[in-house]
Amino acid sequence: MHVVLRLIARSLCAVLVLFLSGQVAAQAPVITSDPQSRTNSVGTLASFTTLATGENPLVFRYYFNGTAFTTATNGLLGFVVSSILDAGNYVCVVSNALGTATSAPAVLTVIGPPAITVQPTNQSAFLGQTVQFSVTAVSTSPETYQWFFRSAVMDGATNSLLVLPNVSTNEAGTYQVRVTNTNGTTASLFALLTINPLPSPSLRLGTLTSTNRIRVPVLLTAHGTETNIGFSTSFDPQAYTNASFEPELADLSLDEGSRVRPAALPSDAVVTVDDSQVALGRIGIAIAWETGRLPPGESAIGQLLFDLVGDLANPLAGRLGLTNTPVPAVFEPSIDGNTNILLNVMDPQFVETAIPTLNRQTGFLEQEIVYGNPGNTLIENSRLTVANLGNDSLTNLIELANSQGILILTQERYVDLGAIAPTELREALLQYYVSDRVTIPHPTFNLYGTPAVIIRPPSGNVLSGVVTRRTNNLVLVDFPTKADRRYYIEYAPSLVGFTNGTFNTSLPPVHGTGSMRQWLDTGPPRTDSLPETTNRFYRVIEVF
């Protein structure tokens, strides 16, 4: 009993000492006043206030519909309402070193005109094709649509979808839609329609797939007046066997996954396959029809099918191509006296694309890709474009760190991967700068062949103080930099290569920071091969 009384007395003394000294025990945040719901019109100032107590410093962060919105000073959030898309739930999370507290949601109701979430986009079409423009909008009350052509009202064009059948040159120009509700009108961005003249007939082979059998789409760019066509395809009979052709007729029942383009051939098309030279690796196809019409532009007219011979592991080993034997590549009726179909070589294609992973040595998220040449012709350069990288969790743009340039028309970043021989498989490494080092980018790619890219050696000074060393079977180059300079890394199989011109220049250049920089030879696209397979020497060129 005496022990208990002593403990109680000691506790009371401790409380009394804290009271007399003015100290209060540190505590996690406690919200004392939640943000309040409100209604705003578009263009007015919306504000929310959250009050909280707790150990300083307190950090106030607001969330909009579950997504981090901004950090607010002293719990006050204010912004100008830009559209009805700002309507929703706003929650404040208050945190300090001891914990967090979450407010009750405040609902912002917005009164305003419709908000356009998907704008109409530019379109390009051939004469006689059907063109569609569309818009997606949200509204707090029933909305109406009105399309405009060259700023003039289009009669009857009052839906979110605008369909223009059988387009002519008179319909080329700018299109816009205005979406209206009881609170106002929102105009879309202008979309441009370009009408192209009818193309000359040409053929190419599309992307090969190898599920169960080798399937290769045959893609015809049609003028639209053809009534019969012919062509032949060549392949390596040591790699492919059981060659056949499966037409894409309008009434052909194929799994949708195998359709890479809309069906092109009229339903009454008659297909004749000439397999007299199949042992030599060639088959011919002749197609004729009496009614119907091919749509101008590119579409699939069928698929070539093969089996991979024996134990071959590379489905791109067939050395595919288009030729004039045994069936000439011609069409009828003639166009200005010409009946020849232009035959295009195959593009390179992807074989495997890995998930990007963080390389702690470089700080980049790196993605390995494997690509190959399924055709029978050397591709002088493989160009890979990268788009739709998006943003990371900190809302910063994800960047392609080893981009070699940007395409003017599409604003897509690209890398040039160099030449690739028939049947060859190559690897390349894409490097992404992601500020949070966590978000996985999911870009869209396009891979195609171009003429050889000639990189002119930069005019500058050979830099001294360059150190190279091997690390993890790669080569690291360290060099001093100045803040207003660019640095190009050149590499050669021997030191003599720098004097006799047998060296290559890596892109993109390294921008100087005024301190030491590091450059890692990771193989394509920075260099033409991985450094562990060849002797390689390096030098750095400083450019003003």
Protein backbone atom coordinates (compact mmCIF):
# COMPACT_ATOMS: atom_id res chain seq x y z
CA MET A 1 0.00 0.00 0.00
CA HIS A 2 2.85 2.36 0.85
CA VAL A 3 4.52 1.52 -2.51
CA VAL A 4 1.37 2.41 -4.47
CA LEU A 5 1.04 5.72 -2.64
CA ARG A 6 4.66 6.57 -3.39
CA LEU A 7 4.13 5.88 -7.17
CA ILE A 8 0.99 8.07 -7.25
CA ALA A 9 2.85 10.84 -5.49
CA ARG A 10 5.74 10.67 -7.94
CA SER A 11 3.32 10.83 -10.96
CA LEU A 12 1.53 13.86 -9.47
CA CYS A 13 4.85 15.57 -8.95
CA ALA A 14 5.87 14.94 -12.57
CA VAL A 15 2.59 16.42 -13.82
CA LEU A 16 3.00 19.41 -11.52
CA VAL A 17 6.54 20.02 -12.81
CA LEU A 18 5.33 19.92 -16.47
CA PHE A 19 2.47 22.29 -15.63
CA LEU A 20 4.72 24.75 -13.82
CA SER A 21 7.34 24.66 -16.60
CA GLY A 22 4.69 25.25 -19.37
CA GLN A 23 5.63 22.07 -21.32
CA VAL A 24 2.99 20.02 -23.16
CA ALA A 25 3.60 16.48 -24.35
CA ALA A 26 4.22 16.27 -28.15
CA GLN A 27 1.27 14.87 -30.10
CA ALA A 28 0.26 13.70 -33.55
CA PRO A 29 -2.01 16.01 -35.61
CA VAL A 30 -5.63 16.44 -34.55
CA ILE A 31 -8.02 18.17 -36.96
CA THR A 32 -10.14 20.74 -35.13
CA SER A 33 -12.02 22.14 -38.15
CA ASP A 34 -12.77 20.30 -41.40
CA PRO A 35 -12.92 22.04 -44.81
CA GLN A 36 -16.49 22.95 -45.78
CA SER A 37 -18.38 22.06 -48.95
CA ARG A 38 -19.18 24.92 -51.32
CA THR A 39 -20.56 25.84 -54.76
CA ASN A 40 -18.63 27.94 -57.29
CA SER A 41 -19.08 29.16 -60.83
CA VAL A 42 -16.33 28.70 -63.40
CA GLY A 43 -13.83 31.55 -63.15
CA THR A 44 -14.38 32.30 -59.46
CA LEU A 45 -12.09 31.68 -56.49
CA ALA A 46 -12.70 28.52 -54.46
CA SER A 47 -11.09 28.18 -51.04
CA PHE A 48 -10.95 25.52 -48.32
CA THR A 49 -9.60 25.86 -44.79
CA THR A 50 -8.49 23.10 -42.45
CA LEU A 51 -7.47 23.74 -38.84
CA ALA A 52 -5.38 21.30 -36.80
CA THR A 53 -3.27 21.06 -33.67
CA GLY A 54 -0.18 18.98 -33.01
CA GLU A 55 3.59 19.06 -32.80
CA ASN A 56 5.07 21.51 -35.33
CA PRO A 57 5.89 21.58 -38.11
CA LEU A 58 2.51 20.55 -39.48
CA VAL A 59 2.27 19.77 -43.21
CA PHE A 60 -1.10 20.21 -44.90
CA ARG A 61 -1.66 18.35 -48.19
CA TYR A 62 -4.93 18.36 -50.12
CA TYR A 63 -6.21 15.51 -52.27
CA PHE A 64 -8.71 15.90 -55.12
CA ASN A 65 -10.79 12.77 -55.74
CA GLY A 66 -8.01 10.70 -54.17
CA THR A 67 -5.11 12.26 -56.13
CA ALA A 68 -2.52 14.52 -54.50
CA PHE A 69 -3.46 18.09 -55.37
CA THR A 70 -1.10 20.52 -53.68
CA THR A 71 0.49 21.51 -50.40
CA ALA A 72 -1.39 24.27 -48.60
CA THR A 73 0.20 26.82 -46.26
CA ASN A 74 -1.42 26.79 -42.80
CA GLY A 75 -4.28 24.66 -44.12
CA LEU A 76 -5.63 27.26 -46.59
CA LEU A 77 -6.19 26.11 -50.18
CA GLY A 78 -7.32 28.60 -52.80
CA PHE A 79 -7.58 28.35 -56.60
CA VAL A 80 -9.56 29.72 -59.53
CA VAL A 81 -12.11 27.19 -60.80
CA SER A 82 -11.17 26.56 -64.44
CA SER A 83 -13.97 24.18 -65.48
CA ILE A 84 -16.61 21.81 -64.16
CA LEU A 85 -13.86 19.16 -64.06
CA ASP A 86 -12.73 20.83 -60.81
CA ALA A 87 -15.91 19.56 -59.12
CA GLY A 88 -15.40 16.71 -56.66
CA ASN A 89 -14.17 15.77 -53.21
CA TYR A 90 -11.34 17.67 -51.53
CA VAL A 91 -9.66 16.07 -48.50
CA CYS A 92 -6.84 17.48 -46.39
CA VAL A 93 -4.21 15.22 -44.81
CA VAL A 94 -2.24 16.82 -41.99
CA SER A 95 1.04 15.20 -40.96
CA ASN A 96 4.01 15.68 -38.66
CA ALA A 97 6.78 13.46 -37.34
CA LEU A 98 4.35 11.65 -35.04
CA GLY A 99 1.54 10.75 -37.43
CA THR A 100 -1.22 11.92 -39.75
CA ALA A 101 -4.86 12.99 -39.59
CA THR A 102 -7.37 13.08 -42.45
CA SER A 103 -10.21 15.57 -42.71
CA ALA A 104 -13.78 14.85 -43.72
CA PRO A 105 -14.26 15.42 -47.49
CA ALA A 106 -15.46 18.81 -48.71
CA VAL A 107 -17.53 18.68 -51.90
CA LEU A 108 -16.98 21.36 -54.52
CA THR A 109 -19.97 21.82 -56.82
CA VAL A 110 -19.21 23.76 -60.00
CA ILE A 111 -21.69 25.64 -62.17
CA GLY A 112 -20.44 26.20 -65.71
CA PRO A 113 -20.46 25.26 -69.38
CA PRO A 114 -19.51 21.77 -70.61
CA ALA A 115 -15.88 20.66 -70.36
CA ILE A 116 -14.25 18.94 -73.32
CA THR A 117 -12.17 15.97 -72.20
CA VAL A 118 -11.21 14.57 -75.64
CA GLN A 119 -10.62 17.06 -78.44
CA PRO A 120 -11.21 16.34 -82.16
CA THR A 121 -7.92 15.48 -83.83
CA ASN A 122 -6.39 16.24 -87.22
CA GLN A 123 -7.30 13.77 -89.96
CA SER A 124 -5.74 12.85 -93.30
CA ALA A 125 -7.68 10.96 -95.96
CA PHE A 126 -7.68 10.04 -99.62
CA LEU A 127 -10.32 11.21 -102.04
CA GLY A 128 -13.49 9.18 -101.59
CA GLN A 129 -12.71 7.87 -98.12
CA THR A 130 -14.95 8.30 -95.07
CA VAL A 131 -13.65 10.60 -92.33
CA GLN A 132 -14.85 10.89 -88.75
CA PHE A 133 -14.32 13.64 -86.19
CA SER A 134 -15.41 13.11 -82.60
CA VAL A 135 -15.45 14.97 -79.32
CA THR A 136 -16.02 13.86 -75.72
CA ALA A 137 -17.49 16.29 -73.22
CA VAL A 138 -18.94 16.24 -69.72
CA SER A 139 -21.76 18.48 -68.52
CA THR A 140 -23.83 19.06 -65.40
CA SER A 141 -26.95 19.51 -67.53
CA PRO A 142 -28.08 18.21 -70.95
CA GLU A 143 -25.70 19.38 -73.67
CA THR A 144 -26.04 20.02 -77.42
CA TYR A 145 -23.44 19.91 -80.19
CA GLN A 146 -22.89 22.03 -83.28
CA TRP A 147 -20.07 21.45 -85.77
CA PHE A 148 -18.48 24.21 -87.85
CA PHE A 149 -16.48 23.98 -91.10
CA ARG A 150 -14.16 26.89 -91.75
CA SER A 151 -16.08 28.71 -88.97
CA ALA A 152 -19.43 28.28 -90.78
CA VAL A 153 -22.32 26.28 -89.27
CA MET A 154 -22.73 22.77 -90.74
CA ASP A 155 -26.41 21.95 -91.23
CA GLY A 156 -27.51 18.80 -89.41
CA ALA A 157 -24.10 18.29 -87.73
CA THR A 158 -25.42 18.22 -84.17
CA ASN A 159 -23.92 15.07 -82.62
CA SER A 160 -20.67 14.36 -80.81
CA LEU A 161 -19.62 12.31 -83.88
CA LEU A 162 -19.26 13.96 -87.29
CA VAL A 163 -19.14 11.56 -90.26
CA LEU A 164 -18.00 12.77 -93.70
CA PRO A 165 -18.54 10.08 -96.36
CA ASN A 166 -16.85 10.10 -99.78
CA VAL A 167 -14.75 13.18 -99.02
CA SER A 168 -13.68 15.58 -101.77
CA THR A 169 -11.05 18.32 -101.96
CA ASN A 170 -13.73 20.90 -101.14
CA GLU A 171 -14.03 19.42 -97.65
CA ALA A 172 -10.38 20.02 -96.75
CA GLY A 173 -9.97 22.60 -94.01
CA THR A 174 -10.61 23.24 -90.32
CA TYR A 175 -13.43 21.73 -88.25
CA GLN A 176 -14.62 22.76 -84.81
CA VAL A 177 -17.44 21.74 -82.48
CA ARG A 178 -19.16 23.88 -79.85
CA VAL A 179 -20.80 22.16 -76.89
CA THR A 180 -23.56 24.02 -75.06
CA ASN A 181 -25.60 23.62 -71.88
CA THR A 182 -27.77 25.98 -69.83
CA ASN A 183 -24.66 27.58 -68.31
CA GLY A 184 -22.76 28.40 -71.48
CA THR A 185 -20.80 27.14 -74.49
CA THR A 186 -17.35 25.60 -74.84
CA ALA A 187 -15.57 25.54 -78.21
CA SER A 188 -13.19 22.75 -79.12
CA LEU A 189 -9.77 23.17 -80.63
CA PHE A 190 -9.65 23.30 -84.43
CA ALA A 191 -9.00 20.01 -86.24
CA LEU A 192 -7.54 20.02 -89.74
CA LEU A 193 -8.71 17.70 -92.51
CA THR A 194 -6.14 17.09 -95.26
CA ILE A 195 -7.32 15.45 -98.49
CA ASN A 196 -4.61 13.57 -100.38
CA PRO A 197 -4.72 12.54 -104.04
CA LEU A 198 -5.36 8.86 -104.70
CA PRO A 199 -2.14 6.87 -104.20
CA SER A 200 -0.34 4.65 -106.68
CA PRO A 201 -0.73 0.94 -105.82
CA SER A 202 1.99 -0.51 -103.58
CA LEU A 203 2.47 -3.60 -101.41
CA ARG A 204 4.31 -4.34 -98.19
CA LEU A 205 4.45 -7.17 -95.66
CA GLY A 206 3.28 -6.29 -92.14
CA THR A 207 4.34 -7.44 -88.69
CA LEU A 208 4.96 -11.18 -88.42
CA THR A 209 3.29 -13.17 -85.65
CA SER A 210 4.26 -16.71 -84.65
CA THR A 211 1.47 -18.15 -82.50
CA ASN A 212 0.89 -21.72 -83.77
CA ARG A 213 1.92 -20.73 -87.33
CA ILE A 214 3.90 -17.91 -88.91
CA ARG A 215 1.37 -15.29 -90.07
CA VAL A 216 2.37 -12.28 -92.18
CA PRO A 217 -0.22 -9.66 -93.24
CA VAL A 218 -0.10 -8.54 -96.88
CA LEU A 219 -0.90 -4.80 -96.93
CA LEU A 220 -2.01 -3.15 -100.16
CA THR A 221 -2.11 0.60 -100.62
CA ALA A 222 -4.85 0.83 -103.24
CA HIS A 223 -5.76 3.55 -105.71
CA GLY A 224 -9.37 2.42 -105.40
CA THR A 225 -10.04 1.67 -109.07
CA GLU A 226 -8.33 -1.74 -109.29
CA THR A 227 -10.27 -4.79 -110.47
CA ASN A 228 -7.42 -7.32 -110.28
CA ILE A 229 -3.95 -7.52 -108.80
CA GLY A 230 -1.07 -9.97 -108.76
CA PHE A 231 2.14 -10.40 -106.79
CA SER A 232 4.57 -13.03 -105.52
CA THR A 233 6.38 -13.57 -102.25
CA SER A 234 9.76 -15.14 -101.62
CA PHE A 235 11.02 -16.95 -98.53
CA ASP A 236 13.80 -19.27 -97.37
CA PRO A 237 12.53 -22.86 -97.81
CA GLN A 238 15.17 -24.01 -95.32
CA ALA A 239 13.37 -22.01 -92.63
CA TYR A 240 9.71 -21.91 -93.72
CA THR A 241 7.52 -24.66 -95.13
CA ASN A 242 3.83 -25.28 -95.99
CA ALA A 243 3.40 -21.83 -97.52
CA SER A 244 -0.18 -20.66 -98.19
CA PHE A 245 -2.24 -17.49 -98.61
CA GLU A 246 -5.43 -16.69 -96.72
CA PRO A 247 -7.44 -13.81 -98.25
CA GLU A 248 -9.10 -11.06 -96.24
CA LEU A 249 -12.54 -11.13 -97.80
CA ALA A 250 -15.37 -8.95 -96.52
CA ASP A 251 -17.24 -12.02 -95.30
CA LEU A 252 -14.19 -13.95 -94.05
CA SER A 253 -14.62 -15.13 -90.44
CA LEU A 254 -11.28 -14.62 -88.70
CA ASP A 255 -10.38 -14.14 -85.09
CA GLU A 256 -10.29 -10.36 -84.50
CA GLY A 257 -6.83 -10.67 -82.98
CA SER A 258 -5.42 -11.67 -86.37
CA ARG A 259 -6.86 -8.64 -88.17
CA VAL A 260 -4.31 -5.86 -88.32
CA ARG A 261 -6.30 -3.77 -90.81
CA PRO A 262 -9.96 -3.72 -91.94
CA ALA A 263 -10.89 -6.32 -94.56
CA ALA A 264 -10.15 -4.99 -98.03
CA LEU A 265 -11.10 -7.47 -100.78
CA PRO A 266 -14.63 -7.43 -102.18
CA SER A 267 -16.69 -10.46 -101.23
CA ASP A 268 -16.71 -11.77 -104.83
CA ALA A 269 -12.90 -11.76 -105.12
CA VAL A 270 -11.42 -14.92 -106.69
CA VAL A 271 -7.96 -15.86 -105.41
CA THR A 272 -5.59 -18.10 -107.39
CA VAL A 273 -2.36 -19.33 -105.76
CA ASP A 274 0.56 -20.40 -108.00
CA ASP A 275 2.73 -22.79 -105.96
CA SER A 276 4.75 -24.13 -108.89
CA GLN A 277 7.95 -22.66 -107.44
CA VAL A 278 7.26 -23.32 -103.76
CA ALA A 279 10.30 -25.65 -103.51
CA LEU A 280 12.44 -22.67 -104.54
CA GLY A 281 10.84 -20.48 -101.89
CA ARG A 282 8.35 -18.56 -104.06
CA ILE A 283 4.56 -18.52 -104.41
CA GLY A 284 2.39 -16.27 -106.56
CA ILE A 285 -1.06 -14.83 -105.86
CA ALA A 286 -3.55 -13.48 -108.42
CA ILE A 287 -6.79 -11.82 -107.25
CA ALA A 288 -9.67 -10.62 -109.44
CA TRP A 289 -13.22 -9.34 -108.78
CA GLU A 290 -16.10 -7.95 -110.80
CA THR A 291 -18.15 -5.95 -108.32
CA GLY A 292 -17.18 -3.93 -105.31
CA ARG A 293 -14.29 -1.55 -104.90
CA LEU A 294 -11.13 -1.46 -102.85
CA PRO A 295 -10.98 1.40 -100.36
CA PRO A 296 -8.22 3.85 -101.29
CA GLY A 297 -5.27 3.74 -98.91
CA GLU A 298 -3.68 0.86 -97.03
CA SER A 299 -5.57 -2.20 -95.81
CA ALA A 300 -4.97 -5.94 -95.45
CA ILE A 301 -5.82 -8.12 -98.42
CA GLY A 302 -4.74 -11.36 -96.77
CA GLN A 303 -2.13 -13.23 -94.78
CA LEU A 304 0.78 -15.43 -95.75
CA LEU A 305 1.02 -18.56 -93.58
CA PHE A 306 4.07 -20.75 -92.96
CA ASP A 307 5.38 -23.40 -90.60
CA LEU A 308 8.81 -23.00 -89.02
CA VAL A 309 11.13 -25.80 -90.11
CA GLY A 310 12.35 -28.32 -87.55
CA ASP A 311 13.95 -26.98 -84.40
CA LEU A 312 14.58 -23.44 -85.61
CA ALA A 313 14.04 -21.04 -82.72
CA ASN A 314 14.06 -17.76 -84.63
CA PRO A 315 10.65 -17.06 -86.23
CA LEU A 316 12.26 -14.21 -88.20
CA ALA A 317 14.56 -16.57 -90.10
CA GLY A 318 12.40 -16.75 -93.24
CA ARG A 319 14.01 -13.92 -95.30
CA LEU A 320 10.62 -12.73 -96.51
CA GLY A 321 10.19 -10.47 -99.50
CA LEU A 322 7.92 -9.48 -102.38
CA THR A 323 8.85 -10.30 -105.96
CA ASN A 324 7.55 -10.66 -109.54
CA THR A 325 7.97 -14.42 -109.96
CA PRO A 326 5.98 -16.61 -110.61
CA VAL A 327 3.17 -13.98 -110.70
CA PRO A 328 4.14 -10.44 -111.75
CA ALA A 329 3.28 -7.60 -109.37
CA VAL A 330 0.76 -5.76 -111.56
CA PHE A 331 -2.75 -4.32 -111.36
CA GLU A 332 -5.55 -3.45 -113.81
CA PRO A 333 -6.89 -1.18 -115.13
CA SER A 334 -3.83 0.97 -115.69
CA ILE A 335 -3.34 4.43 -114.22
CA ASP A 336 -1.81 6.81 -116.74
CA GLY A 337 -0.45 3.80 -118.61
CA ASN A 338 1.18 2.23 -115.55
CA THR A 339 0.25 -1.25 -114.26
CA ASN A 340 3.22 -2.01 -111.98
CA ILE A 341 2.76 -2.35 -108.22
CA LEU A 342 5.53 -0.83 -106.10
CA LEU A 343 7.03 -3.51 -103.83
CA ASN A 344 8.37 -2.34 -100.44
CA VAL A 345 10.88 -4.12 -98.21
CA MET A 346 9.91 -5.31 -94.73
CA ASP A 347 10.47 -3.16 -91.68
CA PRO A 348 12.31 -4.38 -88.59
CA GLN A 349 10.07 -5.61 -85.81
CA PHE A 350 10.06 -6.26 -82.09
CA VAL A 351 10.76 -9.72 -80.74
CA GLU A 352 10.73 -9.00 -77.01
CA THR A 353 10.20 -5.94 -74.81
CA ALA A 354 11.18 -6.12 -71.14
CA ILE A 355 9.62 -4.20 -68.23
CA PRO A 356 11.69 -1.11 -67.30
CA THR A 357 13.76 -1.54 -64.13
CA LEU A 358 15.87 0.91 -62.12
CA ASN A 359 19.62 0.84 -62.72
CA ARG A 360 21.08 2.29 -59.52
CA GLN A 361 24.43 2.92 -61.20
CA THR A 362 23.00 5.24 -63.89
CA GLY A 363 19.90 6.41 -62.01
CA PHE A 364 17.72 5.66 -65.06
CA LEU A 365 14.86 3.22 -65.48
CA GLU A 366 16.16 1.00 -68.26
CA GLN A 367 14.19 -1.11 -70.72
CA GLU A 368 15.77 -3.81 -72.85
CA ILE A 369 14.26 -4.55 -76.25
CA VAL A 370 15.06 -7.26 -78.76
CA TYR A 371 14.29 -6.61 -82.42
CA GLY A 372 15.05 -8.31 -85.70
CA ASN A 373 14.93 -8.18 -89.48
CA PRO A 374 12.38 -10.67 -90.90
CA GLY A 375 13.02 -9.59 -94.51
CA ASN A 376 15.51 -10.54 -97.21
CA THR A 377 17.17 -7.11 -97.51
CA LEU A 378 19.68 -5.27 -95.35
CA ILE A 379 17.92 -2.51 -93.40
CA GLU A 380 20.37 0.40 -93.41
CA ASN A 381 18.96 1.93 -90.23
CA SER A 382 16.27 0.96 -87.72
CA ARG A 383 14.49 3.97 -86.22
CA LEU A 384 12.55 3.56 -82.99
CA THR A 385 10.11 6.30 -81.97
CA VAL A 386 8.86 6.60 -78.38
CA ALA A 387 5.64 8.39 -77.40
CA ASN A 388 3.16 8.68 -74.51
CA LEU A 389 5.70 8.42 -71.70
CA GLY A 390 3.36 10.29 -69.34
CA ASN A 391 4.15 11.66 -65.89
CA ASP A 392 5.49 10.14 -62.69
CA SER A 393 3.88 10.28 -59.24
CA LEU A 394 5.42 13.74 -58.68
CA THR A 395 3.61 14.96 -61.86
CA ASN A 396 6.96 15.45 -63.62
CA LEU A 397 7.30 14.42 -67.25
CA ILE A 398 9.05 11.11 -67.89
CA GLU A 399 11.85 11.67 -70.42
CA LEU A 400 13.72 9.41 -72.85
CA ALA A 401 17.24 10.10 -71.59
CA ASN A 402 19.08 8.62 -74.58
CA SER A 403 16.86 10.23 -77.22
CA GLN A 404 18.80 11.25 -80.32
CA GLY A 405 16.28 13.79 -81.56
CA ILE A 406 12.63 14.69 -82.05
CA LEU A 407 10.49 14.28 -85.17
CA ILE A 408 9.05 17.63 -86.19
CA LEU A 409 5.67 16.43 -87.50
CA THR A 410 4.74 14.05 -84.70
CA GLN A 411 6.84 15.53 -81.87
CA GLU A 412 7.99 12.01 -81.01
CA ARG A 413 11.40 11.24 -79.55
CA TYR A 414 13.49 8.71 -81.45
CA VAL A 415 16.69 6.69 -81.43
CA ASP A 416 18.49 5.33 -84.49
CA LEU A 417 19.70 1.77 -83.96
CA GLY A 418 21.82 1.31 -87.08
CA ALA A 419 21.89 -1.37 -89.76
CA ILE A 420 20.51 -4.87 -89.31
CA ALA A 421 20.98 -7.84 -91.65
CA PRO A 422 18.30 -10.37 -92.72
CA THR A 423 17.41 -12.84 -89.90
CA GLU A 424 19.59 -10.88 -87.44
CA LEU A 425 18.37 -10.28 -83.88
CA ARG A 426 19.73 -7.31 -81.95
CA GLU A 427 19.34 -5.80 -78.50
CA ALA A 428 18.91 -2.16 -77.54
CA LEU A 429 18.59 -0.33 -74.24
CA LEU A 430 16.17 2.55 -73.66
CA GLN A 431 16.88 4.82 -70.68
CA TYR A 432 14.12 6.85 -69.02
CA TYR A 433 14.62 9.69 -66.57
CA VAL A 434 11.88 9.28 -63.92
CA SER A 435 12.18 11.80 -61.09
CA ASP A 436 10.51 9.57 -58.48
CA ARG A 437 12.52 6.51 -59.65
CA VAL A 438 9.45 4.37 -59.07
CA THR A 439 6.82 5.02 -61.75
CA ILE A 440 7.01 2.47 -64.59
CA PRO A 441 6.58 4.14 -68.01
CA HIS A 442 4.32 2.45 -70.57
CA PRO A 443 5.24 4.15 -73.83
CA THR A 444 4.03 3.38 -77.33
CA PHE A 445 6.66 2.41 -79.91
CA ASN A 446 7.01 2.48 -83.66
CA LEU A 447 9.91 0.68 -85.34
CA TYR A 448 10.70 1.09 -89.03
CA GLY A 449 13.54 1.14 -91.52
CA THR A 450 15.15 4.28 -92.95
CA PRO A 451 18.09 5.03 -95.23
CA ALA A 452 21.48 5.04 -93.56
CA VAL A 453 21.95 7.90 -91.11
CA ILE A 454 25.26 9.69 -91.55
CA ILE A 455 26.52 11.35 -88.39
CA ARG A 456 29.02 14.06 -89.23
CA PRO A 457 31.89 14.22 -86.73
CA PRO A 458 31.52 17.31 -84.53
CA SER A 459 34.02 20.12 -84.92
CA GLY A 460 35.71 20.67 -81.58
CA ASN A 461 38.70 19.92 -79.39
CA VAL A 462 39.83 16.52 -78.16
CA LEU A 463 39.42 16.63 -74.38
CA SER A 464 42.22 15.70 -72.02
CA GLY A 465 41.75 14.22 -68.58
CA VAL A 466 39.48 11.43 -69.84
CA VAL A 467 39.50 8.19 -67.84
CA THR A 468 37.92 4.92 -69.04
CA ARG A 469 37.38 1.79 -66.96
CA ARG A 470 35.41 -1.42 -67.21
CA THR A 471 32.49 -2.05 -64.85
CA ASN A 472 30.05 -4.97 -65.02
CA ASN A 473 31.22 -5.81 -68.57
CA LEU A 474 30.47 -2.25 -69.69
CA VAL A 475 32.79 0.73 -70.12
CA LEU A 476 32.53 3.89 -68.01
CA VAL A 477 34.04 7.12 -69.35
CA ASP A 478 34.80 9.93 -66.82
CA PHE A 479 35.66 13.42 -68.06
CA PRO A 480 35.68 17.04 -66.83
CA THR A 481 33.11 19.44 -68.30
CA LYS A 482 32.30 23.14 -68.55
CA ALA A 483 28.76 24.43 -68.07
CA ASP A 484 28.42 26.04 -71.52
CA ARG A 485 29.80 23.14 -73.61
CA ARG A 486 28.57 19.94 -75.26
CA TYR A 487 30.59 16.72 -75.27
CA TYR A 488 30.51 14.00 -77.94
CA ILE A 489 31.93 10.55 -77.25
CA GLU A 490 33.68 8.95 -80.22
CA TYR A 491 34.74 5.31 -80.31
CA ALA A 492 36.92 3.18 -82.59
CA PRO A 493 38.25 -0.41 -82.74
CA SER A 494 41.82 0.92 -82.45
CA LEU A 495 43.64 4.18 -81.79
CA VAL A 496 44.49 4.38 -85.48
CA GLY A 497 40.75 4.65 -86.18
CA PHE A 498 40.71 8.21 -84.84
CA THR A 499 43.23 9.28 -87.50
CA ASN A 500 42.04 7.26 -90.50
CA GLY A 501 38.34 8.07 -90.01
CA THR A 502 37.12 4.60 -88.97
CA PHE A 503 35.44 5.83 -85.80
CA ASN A 504 31.81 6.39 -84.79
CA THR A 505 30.12 9.18 -82.84
CA SER A 506 27.64 8.41 -80.07
CA LEU A 507 24.40 10.37 -79.73
CA PRO A 508 23.01 12.23 -77.90
CA PRO A 509 25.84 14.48 -76.68
CA VAL A 510 26.50 15.04 -72.99
CA HIS A 511 25.79 18.57 -71.72
CA GLY A 512 28.44 20.07 -69.48
CA THR A 513 27.68 20.95 -65.87
CA GLY A 514 31.00 22.46 -64.78
CA SER A 515 31.95 19.26 -62.96
CA MET A 516 32.97 15.68 -63.79
CA ARG A 517 30.47 13.74 -65.90
CA GLN A 518 30.16 10.00 -66.53
CA TRP A 519 29.11 8.27 -69.73
CA LEU A 520 28.39 4.52 -69.79
CA ASP A 521 28.71 2.44 -72.97
CA THR A 522 25.57 0.31 -72.76
CA GLY A 523 25.57 -0.78 -76.42
CA PRO A 524 22.78 0.10 -78.88
CA PRO A 525 21.55 2.74 -79.39
CA ARG A 526 24.52 4.59 -77.83
CA THR A 527 27.04 2.45 -79.72
CA ASP A 528 26.67 -0.16 -82.43
CA SER A 529 27.37 -3.14 -80.15
CA LEU A 530 28.05 -4.05 -76.53
CA PRO A 531 31.64 -3.23 -75.50
CA GLU A 532 32.48 -6.62 -74.01
CA THR A 533 32.44 -8.28 -77.45
CA THR A 534 35.02 -6.00 -79.15
CA ASN A 535 38.16 -3.98 -78.49
CA ARG A 536 37.09 -0.36 -78.24
CA PHE A 537 38.86 2.93 -77.64
CA TYR A 538 37.21 6.22 -76.69
CA ARG A 539 37.82 9.92 -76.90
CA VAL A 540 35.71 12.95 -75.96
CA ILE A 541 35.19 15.99 -78.20
CA GLU A 542 34.39 19.33 -76.54
CA VAL A 543 32.13 21.57 -78.64
CA PHE A 544 31.29 25.22 -77.96
